[in-house]
């Protein structure tokens, strides 16, 4: 349809002639109300921004004591795998109580065991570090 005919139809209906795609040959236009079009576009952009925010990964935290049993450890590892599969990062904290601070090597051994149980498809962000009475490391999925 010619541009003159399209403009005539738009005037008769009391709406606007809006160019949708200028790069197409011939250019694509619609006969719609400009205010309504702007409102819908604004709503769609807000929805896209909201989805983008939801996709950002969260930092989940998992605390593990030095005297944890094998079964409890396997449950925590399974939970961490679930977090990693959802795209979240996980902060593993080995908690030292009382005189356990004298055996920091047990904490690093436990952390290495946890990382081995989680699997090979993870990346440790930085190295494990002591913060007060906690040994912590952050991991994410490759």
N, C-alpha and C. Protein backbone atom coordinates (compact mmCIF):
# COMPACT_ATOMS: atom_id res chain seq x y z
N UNK A 1 0.86 -1.17 0.00
CA UNK A 1 0.00 0.00 0.00
C UNK A 1 0.91 1.23 0.00
N UNK A 2 0.49 2.23 -0.68
CA UNK A 2 1.30 3.44 -0.75
C UNK A 2 1.22 4.21 0.57
N UNK A 3 2.22 5.05 0.80
CA UNK A 3 2.26 5.79 2.06
C UNK A 3 1.12 6.80 2.14
N UNK A 4 0.71 7.33 1.00
CA UNK A 4 -0.39 8.30 0.98
C UNK A 4 -1.69 7.63 1.40
N UNK A 5 -1.95 6.40 0.90
CA UNK A 5 -3.16 5.66 1.28
C UNK A 5 -3.15 5.33 2.77
N UNK A 6 -1.98 4.92 3.28
CA UNK A 6 -1.87 4.57 4.69
C UNK A 6 -2.13 5.80 5.56
N UNK A 7 -1.61 6.95 5.18
CA UNK A 7 -1.84 8.17 5.94
C UNK A 7 -3.32 8.56 5.92
N UNK A 8 -3.97 8.35 4.79
CA UNK A 8 -5.38 8.66 4.67
C UNK A 8 -6.21 7.77 5.61
N UNK A 9 -5.90 6.48 5.62
CA UNK A 9 -6.62 5.54 6.51
C UNK A 9 -6.40 5.92 7.97
N UNK A 10 -5.17 6.28 8.34
CA UNK A 10 -4.87 6.65 9.72
C UNK A 10 -5.66 7.89 10.14
N UNK A 11 -5.77 8.89 9.24
CA UNK A 11 -6.53 10.11 9.57
C UNK A 11 -8.01 9.80 9.73
N UNK A 12 -8.55 8.93 8.88
CA UNK A 12 -9.97 8.58 8.96
C UNK A 12 -10.29 7.89 10.28
N UNK A 13 -9.36 7.03 10.75
CA UNK A 13 -9.61 6.29 11.99
C UNK A 13 -9.23 7.10 13.24
N UNK A 14 -8.57 8.23 13.05
CA UNK A 14 -8.19 9.07 14.19
C UNK A 14 -7.01 8.53 14.97
N UNK A 15 -6.16 7.76 14.31
CA UNK A 15 -4.97 7.20 14.97
C UNK A 15 -3.73 7.63 14.19
N UNK A 16 -2.58 7.10 14.59
CA UNK A 16 -1.31 7.49 13.99
C UNK A 16 -0.75 6.40 13.09
N UNK A 17 0.12 6.80 12.19
CA UNK A 17 0.85 5.88 11.32
C UNK A 17 2.26 5.78 11.90
N UNK A 18 2.60 4.60 12.46
CA UNK A 18 3.85 4.43 13.19
C UNK A 18 4.78 3.52 12.40
N UNK A 19 6.03 3.96 12.21
CA UNK A 19 7.02 3.17 11.51
C UNK A 19 7.59 2.14 12.48
N UNK A 20 7.44 0.87 12.14
CA UNK A 20 7.89 -0.22 13.01
C UNK A 20 9.32 -0.63 12.66
N UNK A 21 9.59 -0.83 11.38
CA UNK A 21 10.91 -1.26 10.95
C UNK A 21 11.35 -0.42 9.76
N UNK A 22 12.29 0.48 10.02
CA UNK A 22 12.76 1.38 8.96
C UNK A 22 13.76 0.68 8.05
N UNK A 23 14.42 -0.35 8.56
CA UNK A 23 15.47 -1.01 7.78
C UNK A 23 14.90 -1.96 6.71
N UNK A 24 13.64 -2.33 6.83
CA UNK A 24 13.03 -3.25 5.84
C UNK A 24 12.81 -2.50 4.52
N UNK A 25 12.68 -3.27 3.46
CA UNK A 25 12.44 -2.65 2.15
C UNK A 25 11.18 -3.25 1.55
N UNK A 26 10.07 -2.61 1.47
CA UNK A 26 9.76 -1.25 1.90
C UNK A 26 9.61 -1.18 3.43
N UNK A 27 9.71 0.02 4.03
CA UNK A 27 9.59 0.17 5.48
C UNK A 27 8.22 -0.34 5.98
N UNK A 28 8.26 -0.96 7.16
CA UNK A 28 7.04 -1.51 7.76
C UNK A 28 6.43 -0.48 8.69
N UNK A 29 5.14 -0.19 8.50
CA UNK A 29 4.42 0.76 9.34
C UNK A 29 3.12 0.13 9.81
N UNK A 30 2.58 0.68 10.92
CA UNK A 30 1.31 0.21 11.46
C UNK A 30 0.41 1.40 11.70
N UNK A 31 -0.89 1.15 11.57
CA UNK A 31 -1.88 2.17 11.87
C UNK A 31 -2.38 1.89 13.28
N UNK A 32 -1.78 2.60 14.27
CA UNK A 32 -2.12 2.38 15.68
C UNK A 32 -2.09 3.70 16.43
N UNK A 33 -2.62 3.67 17.66
CA UNK A 33 -2.58 4.84 18.54
C UNK A 33 -1.17 4.95 19.12
N UNK A 34 -0.50 6.09 18.94
CA UNK A 34 0.88 6.27 19.36
C UNK A 34 1.04 6.15 20.88
N UNK A 35 0.13 6.69 21.65
CA UNK A 35 0.20 6.62 23.11
C UNK A 35 0.12 5.18 23.59
N UNK A 36 -0.79 4.42 23.02
CA UNK A 36 -0.94 3.01 23.39
C UNK A 36 0.31 2.22 23.01
N UNK A 37 0.88 2.53 21.85
CA UNK A 37 2.09 1.86 21.39
C UNK A 37 3.25 2.13 22.35
N UNK A 38 3.42 3.39 22.75
CA UNK A 38 4.48 3.76 23.68
C UNK A 38 4.30 3.05 25.02
N UNK A 39 3.07 2.99 25.51
CA UNK A 39 2.78 2.34 26.79
C UNK A 39 3.15 0.86 26.74
N UNK A 40 2.75 0.17 25.67
CA UNK A 40 3.05 -1.25 25.53
C UNK A 40 4.56 -1.48 25.44
N UNK A 41 5.24 -0.61 24.72
CA UNK A 41 6.69 -0.73 24.58
C UNK A 41 7.38 -0.55 25.94
N UNK A 42 6.90 0.43 26.72
CA UNK A 42 7.47 0.70 28.03
C UNK A 42 7.25 -0.51 28.97
N UNK A 43 6.06 -1.10 28.92
CA UNK A 43 5.75 -2.26 29.75
C UNK A 43 6.65 -3.45 29.38
N UNK A 44 6.86 -3.65 28.09
CA UNK A 44 7.70 -4.76 27.63
C UNK A 44 9.15 -4.57 28.07
N UNK A 45 9.66 -3.34 28.00
CA UNK A 45 11.02 -3.07 28.46
C UNK A 45 11.16 -3.30 29.95
N UNK A 46 10.17 -2.92 30.73
CA UNK A 46 10.19 -3.13 32.18
C UNK A 46 10.19 -4.63 32.49
N UNK A 47 9.41 -5.38 31.74
CA UNK A 47 9.35 -6.83 31.94
C UNK A 47 10.71 -7.46 31.62
N UNK A 48 11.36 -7.00 30.55
CA UNK A 48 12.68 -7.53 30.18
C UNK A 48 13.73 -7.19 31.24
N UNK A 49 13.66 -5.98 31.80
CA UNK A 49 14.60 -5.60 32.86
C UNK A 49 14.40 -6.47 34.09
N UNK A 50 13.14 -6.76 34.41
CA UNK A 50 12.84 -7.60 35.58
C UNK A 50 13.39 -9.00 35.37
N UNK A 51 13.23 -9.54 34.18
CA UNK A 51 13.76 -10.88 33.88
C UNK A 51 15.28 -10.90 33.98
N UNK A 52 15.92 -9.83 33.51
CA UNK A 52 17.38 -9.76 33.56
C UNK A 52 17.87 -9.73 35.01
N UNK A 53 17.14 -9.04 35.88
CA UNK A 53 17.52 -9.00 37.30
C UNK A 53 17.35 -10.36 37.94
N UNK A 54 16.30 -11.09 37.56
CA UNK A 54 16.05 -12.41 38.14
C UNK A 54 17.13 -13.40 37.75
N UNK A 55 17.73 -13.21 36.58
CA UNK A 55 18.75 -14.14 36.09
C UNK A 55 20.07 -14.00 36.81
N UNK A 56 20.31 -12.86 37.49
CA UNK A 56 21.57 -12.67 38.17
C UNK A 56 21.73 -13.72 39.26
N UNK A 57 22.94 -14.22 39.40
CA UNK A 57 23.16 -15.30 40.36
C UNK A 57 23.24 -14.74 41.78
N UNK A 58 22.73 -15.50 42.69
CA UNK A 58 22.78 -15.14 44.10
C UNK A 58 23.97 -15.83 44.73
N UNK A 59 24.36 -15.38 45.90
CA UNK A 59 25.41 -16.03 46.66
C UNK A 59 24.75 -16.79 47.80
N UNK A 60 24.78 -18.11 47.69
CA UNK A 60 24.22 -18.97 48.74
C UNK A 60 25.36 -19.33 49.69
N UNK A 61 25.02 -19.53 50.96
CA UNK A 61 26.03 -19.80 51.95
C UNK A 61 25.72 -21.13 52.62
N UNK A 62 26.76 -21.98 52.77
CA UNK A 62 26.59 -23.28 53.39
C UNK A 62 27.64 -23.41 54.50
N UNK A 63 27.18 -23.59 55.73
CA UNK A 63 28.09 -23.74 56.87
C UNK A 63 28.25 -25.21 57.21
N UNK A 64 29.50 -25.60 57.44
CA UNK A 64 29.82 -27.00 57.76
C UNK A 64 30.74 -27.00 58.96
N UNK A 65 30.41 -27.83 59.95
CA UNK A 65 31.26 -27.99 61.13
C UNK A 65 32.31 -29.05 60.87
N UNK A 66 33.39 -29.01 61.66
CA UNK A 66 34.47 -29.97 61.47
C UNK A 66 34.04 -31.40 61.80
N UNK A 67 33.10 -31.56 62.70
CA UNK A 67 32.69 -32.90 63.16
C UNK A 67 31.44 -33.40 62.44
N UNK A 68 31.22 -32.98 61.20
CA UNK A 68 30.02 -33.36 60.46
C UNK A 68 30.10 -34.84 60.06
N UNK A 69 28.97 -35.52 60.13
CA UNK A 69 28.94 -36.93 59.75
C UNK A 69 28.89 -37.06 58.22
N UNK A 70 29.18 -38.25 57.73
CA UNK A 70 29.21 -38.49 56.27
C UNK A 70 27.84 -38.25 55.64
N UNK A 71 26.78 -38.70 56.32
CA UNK A 71 25.44 -38.55 55.77
C UNK A 71 25.04 -37.07 55.69
N UNK A 72 25.31 -36.33 56.77
CA UNK A 72 24.99 -34.90 56.76
C UNK A 72 25.78 -34.17 55.68
N UNK A 73 27.04 -34.57 55.50
CA UNK A 73 27.89 -33.95 54.49
C UNK A 73 27.34 -34.23 53.09
N UNK A 74 26.89 -35.46 52.85
CA UNK A 74 26.35 -35.79 51.52
C UNK A 74 25.07 -35.00 51.24
N UNK A 75 24.26 -34.76 52.27
CA UNK A 75 23.04 -33.96 52.09
C UNK A 75 23.41 -32.52 51.74
N UNK A 76 24.38 -31.96 52.44
CA UNK A 76 24.80 -30.58 52.16
C UNK A 76 25.42 -30.46 50.77
N UNK A 77 26.19 -31.47 50.36
CA UNK A 77 26.79 -31.45 49.03
C UNK A 77 25.70 -31.51 47.95
N UNK A 78 24.68 -32.32 48.18
CA UNK A 78 23.57 -32.40 47.23
C UNK A 78 22.85 -31.06 47.11
N UNK A 79 22.68 -30.38 48.25
CA UNK A 79 22.03 -29.07 48.25
C UNK A 79 22.89 -28.05 47.50
N UNK A 80 24.21 -28.12 47.70
CA UNK A 80 25.11 -27.20 47.00
C UNK A 80 25.07 -27.43 45.49
N UNK A 81 25.01 -28.69 45.08
CA UNK A 81 24.90 -29.00 43.64
C UNK A 81 23.63 -28.39 43.06
N UNK A 82 22.54 -28.44 43.82
CA UNK A 82 21.29 -27.84 43.37
C UNK A 82 21.42 -26.34 43.19
N UNK A 83 22.09 -25.68 44.14
CA UNK A 83 22.31 -24.24 44.01
C UNK A 83 23.13 -23.93 42.77
N UNK A 84 24.20 -24.72 42.55
CA UNK A 84 25.08 -24.49 41.40
C UNK A 84 24.33 -24.74 40.09
N UNK A 85 23.47 -25.74 40.06
CA UNK A 85 22.69 -26.01 38.85
C UNK A 85 21.71 -24.89 38.54
N UNK A 86 21.25 -24.18 39.58
CA UNK A 86 20.35 -23.04 39.38
C UNK A 86 21.09 -21.79 38.94
N UNK A 87 22.42 -21.87 38.87
CA UNK A 87 23.21 -20.73 38.43
C UNK A 87 23.70 -19.84 39.56
N UNK A 88 23.51 -20.27 40.80
CA UNK A 88 23.95 -19.48 41.93
C UNK A 88 25.40 -19.80 42.29
N UNK A 89 26.05 -18.86 42.96
CA UNK A 89 27.37 -19.13 43.51
C UNK A 89 27.17 -19.60 44.94
N UNK A 90 28.11 -20.40 45.45
CA UNK A 90 27.99 -20.95 46.80
C UNK A 90 29.24 -20.60 47.59
N UNK A 91 29.02 -20.08 48.79
CA UNK A 91 30.12 -19.81 49.71
C UNK A 91 30.13 -20.92 50.75
N UNK A 92 31.20 -21.71 50.76
CA UNK A 92 31.32 -22.82 51.71
C UNK A 92 32.11 -22.29 52.90
N UNK A 93 31.52 -22.45 54.09
CA UNK A 93 32.18 -22.00 55.31
C UNK A 93 32.39 -23.18 56.24
N UNK A 94 33.65 -23.45 56.55
CA UNK A 94 34.00 -24.46 57.54
C UNK A 94 34.11 -23.73 58.88
N UNK A 95 33.25 -24.08 59.83
CA UNK A 95 33.16 -23.37 61.10
C UNK A 95 33.99 -24.10 62.15
N UNK A 96 34.87 -23.36 62.81
CA UNK A 96 35.70 -23.91 63.88
C UNK A 96 35.13 -23.49 65.22
N UNK A 97 35.03 -24.44 66.17
CA UNK A 97 34.50 -24.15 67.50
C UNK A 97 35.56 -24.51 68.55
N UNK A 98 35.68 -23.65 69.52
CA UNK A 98 36.56 -23.94 70.66
C UNK A 98 37.99 -24.24 70.26
N UNK A 99 38.47 -25.39 70.68
CA UNK A 99 39.87 -25.76 70.45
C UNK A 99 40.12 -26.29 69.04
N UNK A 100 39.11 -26.32 68.22
CA UNK A 100 39.29 -26.78 66.84
C UNK A 100 40.20 -25.84 66.05
N UNK A 101 40.35 -24.60 66.53
CA UNK A 101 41.21 -23.64 65.83
C UNK A 101 42.66 -24.10 65.79
N UNK A 102 43.04 -25.00 66.70
CA UNK A 102 44.41 -25.51 66.71
C UNK A 102 44.63 -26.49 65.55
N UNK A 103 43.57 -26.95 64.92
CA UNK A 103 43.67 -27.95 63.85
C UNK A 103 43.12 -27.39 62.54
N UNK A 104 43.74 -26.32 62.05
CA UNK A 104 43.28 -25.69 60.82
C UNK A 104 43.47 -26.60 59.61
N UNK A 105 44.44 -27.50 59.71
CA UNK A 105 44.69 -28.43 58.60
C UNK A 105 43.50 -29.38 58.39
N UNK A 106 42.78 -29.71 59.47
CA UNK A 106 41.58 -30.54 59.33
C UNK A 106 40.50 -29.80 58.54
N UNK A 107 40.42 -28.49 58.74
CA UNK A 107 39.45 -27.68 58.01
C UNK A 107 39.77 -27.64 56.52
N UNK A 108 41.03 -27.47 56.18
CA UNK A 108 41.39 -27.44 54.75
C UNK A 108 41.18 -28.81 54.12
N UNK A 109 41.45 -29.88 54.89
CA UNK A 109 41.18 -31.24 54.37
C UNK A 109 39.70 -31.43 54.11
N UNK A 110 38.85 -30.96 55.04
CA UNK A 110 37.40 -31.08 54.87
C UNK A 110 36.92 -30.28 53.67
N UNK A 111 37.47 -29.08 53.48
CA UNK A 111 37.10 -28.26 52.33
C UNK A 111 37.49 -28.95 51.03
N UNK A 112 38.68 -29.54 50.99
CA UNK A 112 39.11 -30.28 49.80
C UNK A 112 38.19 -31.47 49.53
N UNK A 113 37.75 -32.14 50.60
CA UNK A 113 36.85 -33.28 50.46
C UNK A 113 35.49 -32.84 49.89
N UNK A 114 34.99 -31.71 50.40
CA UNK A 114 33.70 -31.18 49.91
C UNK A 114 33.80 -30.82 48.44
N UNK A 115 34.89 -30.16 48.05
CA UNK A 115 35.07 -29.78 46.65
C UNK A 115 35.18 -31.01 45.76
N UNK A 116 35.82 -32.06 46.25
CA UNK A 116 35.92 -33.29 45.47
C UNK A 116 34.56 -33.97 45.33
N UNK A 117 33.74 -33.92 46.39
CA UNK A 117 32.42 -34.54 46.34
C UNK A 117 31.47 -33.79 45.40
N UNK A 118 31.62 -32.48 45.31
CA UNK A 118 30.74 -31.69 44.45
C UNK A 118 30.97 -32.04 42.99
N UNK A 119 32.22 -32.21 42.60
CA UNK A 119 32.51 -32.62 41.22
C UNK A 119 33.54 -31.74 40.56
N UNK A 120 33.81 -32.05 39.29
CA UNK A 120 34.84 -31.36 38.53
C UNK A 120 34.33 -30.16 37.77
N UNK A 121 33.02 -30.01 37.65
CA UNK A 121 32.47 -28.92 36.84
C UNK A 121 32.27 -27.63 37.63
N UNK A 122 33.16 -27.37 38.61
CA UNK A 122 33.06 -26.15 39.41
C UNK A 122 34.37 -25.37 39.31
N UNK A 123 34.29 -24.10 39.62
CA UNK A 123 35.45 -23.22 39.66
C UNK A 123 35.50 -22.58 41.04
N UNK A 124 36.66 -22.67 41.69
CA UNK A 124 36.84 -22.02 42.99
C UNK A 124 37.30 -20.60 42.72
N UNK A 125 36.52 -19.62 43.16
CA UNK A 125 36.84 -18.21 42.95
C UNK A 125 37.78 -17.75 44.05
N UNK A 126 39.01 -17.50 43.70
CA UNK A 126 40.01 -17.13 44.69
C UNK A 126 40.46 -18.36 45.45
N UNK A 127 41.23 -18.14 46.51
CA UNK A 127 41.64 -19.29 47.31
C UNK A 127 40.92 -19.24 48.66
N UNK A 128 40.92 -20.37 49.35
CA UNK A 128 40.26 -20.44 50.64
C UNK A 128 40.97 -19.52 51.63
N UNK A 129 40.18 -18.83 52.46
CA UNK A 129 40.78 -17.90 53.40
C UNK A 129 40.10 -17.97 54.76
N UNK A 130 40.87 -17.69 55.79
CA UNK A 130 40.34 -17.68 57.15
C UNK A 130 39.79 -16.30 57.48
N UNK A 131 38.56 -16.28 57.99
CA UNK A 131 37.93 -15.05 58.47
C UNK A 131 37.48 -15.32 59.90
N UNK A 132 38.29 -14.94 60.86
CA UNK A 132 37.95 -15.21 62.25
C UNK A 132 38.00 -16.70 62.53
N UNK A 133 36.86 -17.29 62.86
CA UNK A 133 36.79 -18.72 63.16
C UNK A 133 36.24 -19.53 61.99
N UNK A 134 36.24 -18.94 60.81
CA UNK A 134 35.69 -19.62 59.63
C UNK A 134 36.72 -19.71 58.51
N UNK A 135 36.73 -20.84 57.84
CA UNK A 135 37.50 -21.02 56.62
C UNK A 135 36.49 -21.00 55.49
N UNK A 136 36.64 -20.08 54.53
CA UNK A 136 35.61 -19.96 53.51
C UNK A 136 36.21 -19.95 52.11
N UNK A 137 35.41 -20.45 51.15
CA UNK A 137 35.76 -20.44 49.74
C UNK A 137 34.48 -20.29 48.95
N UNK A 138 34.56 -19.55 47.83
CA UNK A 138 33.40 -19.38 46.96
C UNK A 138 33.58 -20.23 45.71
N UNK A 139 32.48 -20.87 45.29
CA UNK A 139 32.54 -21.69 44.09
C UNK A 139 31.38 -21.31 43.17
N UNK A 140 31.57 -21.61 41.89
CA UNK A 140 30.52 -21.43 40.90
C UNK A 140 30.67 -22.51 39.87
N UNK A 141 29.65 -22.67 39.05
CA UNK A 141 29.68 -23.68 38.00
C UNK A 141 30.48 -23.16 36.82
N UNK A 142 31.17 -24.06 36.12
CA UNK A 142 31.96 -23.67 34.93
C UNK A 142 31.04 -23.14 33.86
